Amino acid sequence: MDGKRRPARQYWRHVVGWPLLLLGIAGLALPFLQGILFILVALTVLAPEVPAVRRLAAALRRRYPAAFEKAAEIKQDLKRRFGLP
């Protein structure tokens, strides 16, 4: 069962992560979007699947731990809303 679940999880990480990253980049220029927050959430979603993002996220997590704590809270809230473990 876990073998079938893994590709689905990878798929959804990419489907959710990349648009969040694009929203974050757009949010850097738009005053009504929290660009940095979207980027950090996207990095936490994509990090398990993309090695370059994993390295970047690790470096940013060391430099900005409070922002990553906030992103983790948002991630947990989304998981709770959609009934994910």
N, C-alpha and C. Protein backbone atom coordinates (compact mmCIF):
# COMPACT_ATOMS: atom_id res chain seq x y z
N MET A 1 0.81 -1.19 0.00
CA MET A 1 0.00 0.00 0.00
C MET A 1 0.86 1.26 0.00
N ASP A 2 1.96 1.23 0.74
CA ASP A 2 2.81 2.41 0.81
C ASP A 2 3.47 2.69 -0.54
N GLY A 3 3.71 1.64 -1.34
CA GLY A 3 4.30 1.83 -2.66
C GLY A 3 3.41 2.64 -3.58
N LYS A 4 2.10 2.44 -3.48
CA LYS A 4 1.16 3.20 -4.31
C LYS A 4 0.95 4.60 -3.75
N ARG A 5 1.06 4.74 -2.45
CA ARG A 5 0.82 6.02 -1.81
C ARG A 5 1.97 7.00 -2.07
N ARG A 6 3.17 6.50 -2.17
CA ARG A 6 4.35 7.35 -2.35
C ARG A 6 4.29 8.16 -3.64
N PRO A 7 4.01 7.55 -4.82
CA PRO A 7 3.92 8.38 -6.03
C PRO A 7 2.80 9.41 -5.96
N ALA A 8 1.69 9.07 -5.33
CA ALA A 8 0.59 10.04 -5.19
C ALA A 8 1.03 11.21 -4.32
N ARG A 9 1.76 10.93 -3.26
CA ARG A 9 2.24 11.99 -2.38
C ARG A 9 3.24 12.88 -3.14
N GLN A 10 4.11 12.26 -3.92
CA GLN A 10 5.06 13.05 -4.71
C GLN A 10 4.32 13.96 -5.68
N TYR A 11 3.32 13.40 -6.33
CA TYR A 11 2.52 14.18 -7.28
C TYR A 11 1.89 15.38 -6.60
N TRP A 12 1.24 15.16 -5.47
CA TRP A 12 0.55 16.26 -4.79
C TRP A 12 1.52 17.28 -4.22
N ARG A 13 2.69 16.84 -3.81
CA ARG A 13 3.69 17.81 -3.34
C ARG A 13 4.07 18.77 -4.47
N HIS A 14 4.23 18.24 -5.67
CA HIS A 14 4.57 19.09 -6.81
C HIS A 14 3.39 19.95 -7.23
N VAL A 15 2.19 19.40 -7.23
CA VAL A 15 1.00 20.14 -7.63
C VAL A 15 0.73 21.30 -6.68
N VAL A 16 0.99 21.11 -5.40
CA VAL A 16 0.75 22.16 -4.42
C VAL A 16 1.97 23.08 -4.29
N GLY A 17 3.16 22.51 -4.29
CA GLY A 17 4.37 23.28 -4.01
C GLY A 17 4.74 24.30 -5.07
N TRP A 18 4.75 23.91 -6.33
CA TRP A 18 5.18 24.84 -7.37
C TRP A 18 4.25 26.04 -7.52
N PRO A 19 2.92 25.86 -7.52
CA PRO A 19 2.06 27.06 -7.56
C PRO A 19 2.25 27.97 -6.34
N LEU A 20 2.47 27.38 -5.17
CA LEU A 20 2.73 28.20 -3.99
C LEU A 20 4.00 29.02 -4.17
N LEU A 21 5.00 28.40 -4.77
CA LEU A 21 6.25 29.11 -5.03
C LEU A 21 6.02 30.27 -6.00
N LEU A 22 5.24 30.03 -7.05
CA LEU A 22 4.93 31.11 -8.00
C LEU A 22 4.13 32.22 -7.33
N LEU A 23 3.18 31.86 -6.48
CA LEU A 23 2.42 32.87 -5.74
C LEU A 23 3.35 33.68 -4.84
N GLY A 24 4.30 33.01 -4.23
CA GLY A 24 5.26 33.70 -3.37
C GLY A 24 6.11 34.68 -4.13
N ILE A 25 6.55 34.28 -5.31
CA ILE A 25 7.36 35.18 -6.13
C ILE A 25 6.52 36.38 -6.55
N ALA A 26 5.27 36.12 -6.95
CA ALA A 26 4.37 37.23 -7.30
C ALA A 26 4.11 38.10 -6.08
N GLY A 27 4.01 37.47 -4.93
CA GLY A 27 3.73 38.20 -3.69
C GLY A 27 4.85 39.14 -3.28
N LEU A 28 6.04 38.91 -3.79
CA LEU A 28 7.14 39.83 -3.49
C LEU A 28 6.89 41.20 -4.12
N ALA A 29 6.16 41.22 -5.24
CA ALA A 29 5.89 42.49 -5.92
C ALA A 29 4.51 43.05 -5.59
N LEU A 30 3.59 42.18 -5.18
CA LEU A 30 2.22 42.63 -4.90
C LEU A 30 2.06 42.91 -3.41
N PRO A 31 1.47 44.04 -3.07
CA PRO A 31 1.38 44.41 -1.66
C PRO A 31 0.37 43.59 -0.84
N PHE A 32 -0.56 42.90 -1.47
CA PHE A 32 -1.59 42.20 -0.72
C PHE A 32 -1.29 40.72 -0.51
N LEU A 33 -0.20 40.21 -1.04
CA LEU A 33 0.20 38.82 -0.82
C LEU A 33 1.42 38.76 0.09
N GLN A 34 1.45 37.79 0.96
CA GLN A 34 2.61 37.55 1.82
C GLN A 34 3.62 36.70 1.06
N GLY A 35 4.43 37.32 0.23
CA GLY A 35 5.34 36.60 -0.65
C GLY A 35 6.29 35.67 0.07
N ILE A 36 6.96 36.17 1.09
CA ILE A 36 7.94 35.35 1.82
C ILE A 36 7.26 34.15 2.46
N LEU A 37 6.10 34.34 3.02
CA LEU A 37 5.41 33.24 3.68
C LEU A 37 5.02 32.16 2.67
N PHE A 38 4.51 32.56 1.50
CA PHE A 38 4.18 31.58 0.47
C PHE A 38 5.42 30.83 0.00
N ILE A 39 6.52 31.53 -0.14
CA ILE A 39 7.75 30.89 -0.56
C ILE A 39 8.21 29.87 0.48
N LEU A 40 8.15 30.23 1.74
CA LEU A 40 8.58 29.31 2.79
C LEU A 40 7.68 28.07 2.87
N VAL A 41 6.39 28.26 2.72
CA VAL A 41 5.48 27.11 2.72
C VAL A 41 5.78 26.22 1.53
N ALA A 42 6.00 26.84 0.37
CA ALA A 42 6.33 26.06 -0.83
C ALA A 42 7.63 25.27 -0.64
N LEU A 43 8.62 25.90 -0.02
CA LEU A 43 9.88 25.20 0.21
C LEU A 43 9.70 24.01 1.15
N THR A 44 8.87 24.17 2.17
CA THR A 44 8.66 23.05 3.09
C THR A 44 7.88 21.92 2.41
N VAL A 45 7.02 22.25 1.47
CA VAL A 45 6.26 21.22 0.75
C VAL A 45 7.16 20.51 -0.26
N LEU A 46 7.99 21.26 -0.98
CA LEU A 46 8.81 20.70 -2.04
C LEU A 46 10.11 20.06 -1.56
N ALA A 47 10.59 20.43 -0.40
CA ALA A 47 11.91 19.97 0.07
C ALA A 47 12.09 18.45 0.07
N PRO A 48 11.11 17.65 0.47
CA PRO A 48 11.35 16.20 0.45
C PRO A 48 11.53 15.63 -0.95
N GLU A 49 11.08 16.31 -1.98
CA GLU A 49 11.12 15.76 -3.33
C GLU A 49 12.21 16.35 -4.22
N VAL A 50 12.67 17.57 -3.95
CA VAL A 50 13.61 18.26 -4.83
C VAL A 50 14.89 18.54 -4.03
N PRO A 51 16.00 17.87 -4.37
CA PRO A 51 17.23 18.03 -3.59
C PRO A 51 17.74 19.48 -3.51
N ALA A 52 17.67 20.23 -4.58
CA ALA A 52 18.15 21.62 -4.55
C ALA A 52 17.30 22.45 -3.59
N VAL A 53 16.00 22.21 -3.59
CA VAL A 53 15.10 22.93 -2.68
C VAL A 53 15.38 22.50 -1.24
N ARG A 54 15.70 21.23 -1.05
CA ARG A 54 16.02 20.72 0.30
C ARG A 54 17.23 21.45 0.87
N ARG A 55 18.27 21.62 0.05
CA ARG A 55 19.48 22.32 0.51
C ARG A 55 19.18 23.79 0.80
N LEU A 56 18.43 24.43 -0.09
CA LEU A 56 18.07 25.83 0.10
C LEU A 56 17.22 26.00 1.36
N ALA A 57 16.26 25.11 1.56
CA ALA A 57 15.39 25.19 2.73
C ALA A 57 16.20 25.01 4.02
N ALA A 58 17.17 24.11 4.01
CA ALA A 58 17.99 23.90 5.20
C ALA A 58 18.80 25.16 5.53
N ALA A 59 19.34 25.79 4.51
CA ALA A 59 20.12 27.03 4.74
C ALA A 59 19.22 28.15 5.26
N LEU A 60 18.03 28.29 4.66
CA LEU A 60 17.11 29.33 5.10
C LEU A 60 16.56 29.04 6.50
N ARG A 61 16.34 27.77 6.80
CA ARG A 61 15.82 27.40 8.13
C ARG A 61 16.81 27.78 9.22
N ARG A 62 18.09 27.62 8.94
CA ARG A 62 19.11 28.02 9.93
C ARG A 62 19.13 29.53 10.10
N ARG A 63 18.90 30.26 9.02
CA ARG A 63 18.99 31.71 9.08
C ARG A 63 17.71 32.37 9.62
N TYR A 64 16.55 31.80 9.28
CA TYR A 64 15.26 32.39 9.67
C TYR A 64 14.35 31.36 10.36
N PRO A 65 14.68 30.91 11.54
CA PRO A 65 13.89 29.84 12.18
C PRO A 65 12.45 30.26 12.49
N ALA A 66 12.20 31.50 12.85
CA ALA A 66 10.84 31.93 13.20
C ALA A 66 9.91 31.86 11.99
N ALA A 67 10.41 32.22 10.83
CA ALA A 67 9.58 32.16 9.63
C ALA A 67 9.22 30.72 9.29
N PHE A 68 10.15 29.80 9.49
CA PHE A 68 9.85 28.40 9.20
C PHE A 68 8.90 27.80 10.23
N GLU A 69 8.95 28.28 11.46
CA GLU A 69 7.97 27.83 12.45
C GLU A 69 6.57 28.25 12.04
N LYS A 70 6.43 29.46 11.55
CA LYS A 70 5.12 29.94 11.07
C LYS A 70 4.66 29.12 9.87
N ALA A 71 5.57 28.83 8.95
CA ALA A 71 5.22 28.02 7.78
C ALA A 71 4.80 26.61 8.20
N ALA A 72 5.46 26.04 9.21
CA ALA A 72 5.09 24.72 9.70
C ALA A 72 3.70 24.73 10.33
N GLU A 73 3.35 25.82 11.02
CA GLU A 73 2.01 25.95 11.58
C GLU A 73 0.96 25.97 10.47
N ILE A 74 1.23 26.69 9.41
CA ILE A 74 0.30 26.75 8.28
C ILE A 74 0.17 25.38 7.63
N LYS A 75 1.28 24.69 7.49
CA LYS A 75 1.27 23.35 6.89
C LYS A 75 0.43 22.40 7.73
N GLN A 76 0.60 22.43 9.04
CA GLN A 76 -0.19 21.58 9.93
C GLN A 76 -1.68 21.93 9.86
N ASP A 77 -1.99 23.20 9.76
CA ASP A 77 -3.38 23.63 9.64
C ASP A 77 -4.00 23.10 8.36
N LEU A 78 -3.26 23.16 7.26
CA LEU A 78 -3.75 22.62 6.00
C LEU A 78 -3.95 21.11 6.08
N LYS A 79 -3.02 20.42 6.69
CA LYS A 79 -3.17 18.97 6.86
C LYS A 79 -4.43 18.65 7.67
N ARG A 80 -4.65 19.41 8.73
CA ARG A 80 -5.80 19.18 9.59
C ARG A 80 -7.10 19.44 8.81
N ARG A 81 -7.12 20.50 8.01
CA ARG A 81 -8.32 20.82 7.24
C ARG A 81 -8.66 19.76 6.22
N PHE A 82 -7.64 19.18 5.59
CA PHE A 82 -7.88 18.20 4.54
C PHE A 82 -7.81 16.77 5.05
N GLY A 83 -7.69 16.60 6.35
CA GLY A 83 -7.73 15.26 6.96
C GLY A 83 -6.54 14.39 6.63
N LEU A 84 -5.38 14.99 6.48
CA LEU A 84 -4.17 14.23 6.19
C LEU A 84 -3.44 13.92 7.49
N PRO A 85 -2.70 12.81 7.49
CA PRO A 85 -1.93 12.46 8.72
C PRO A 85 -0.75 13.36 8.97
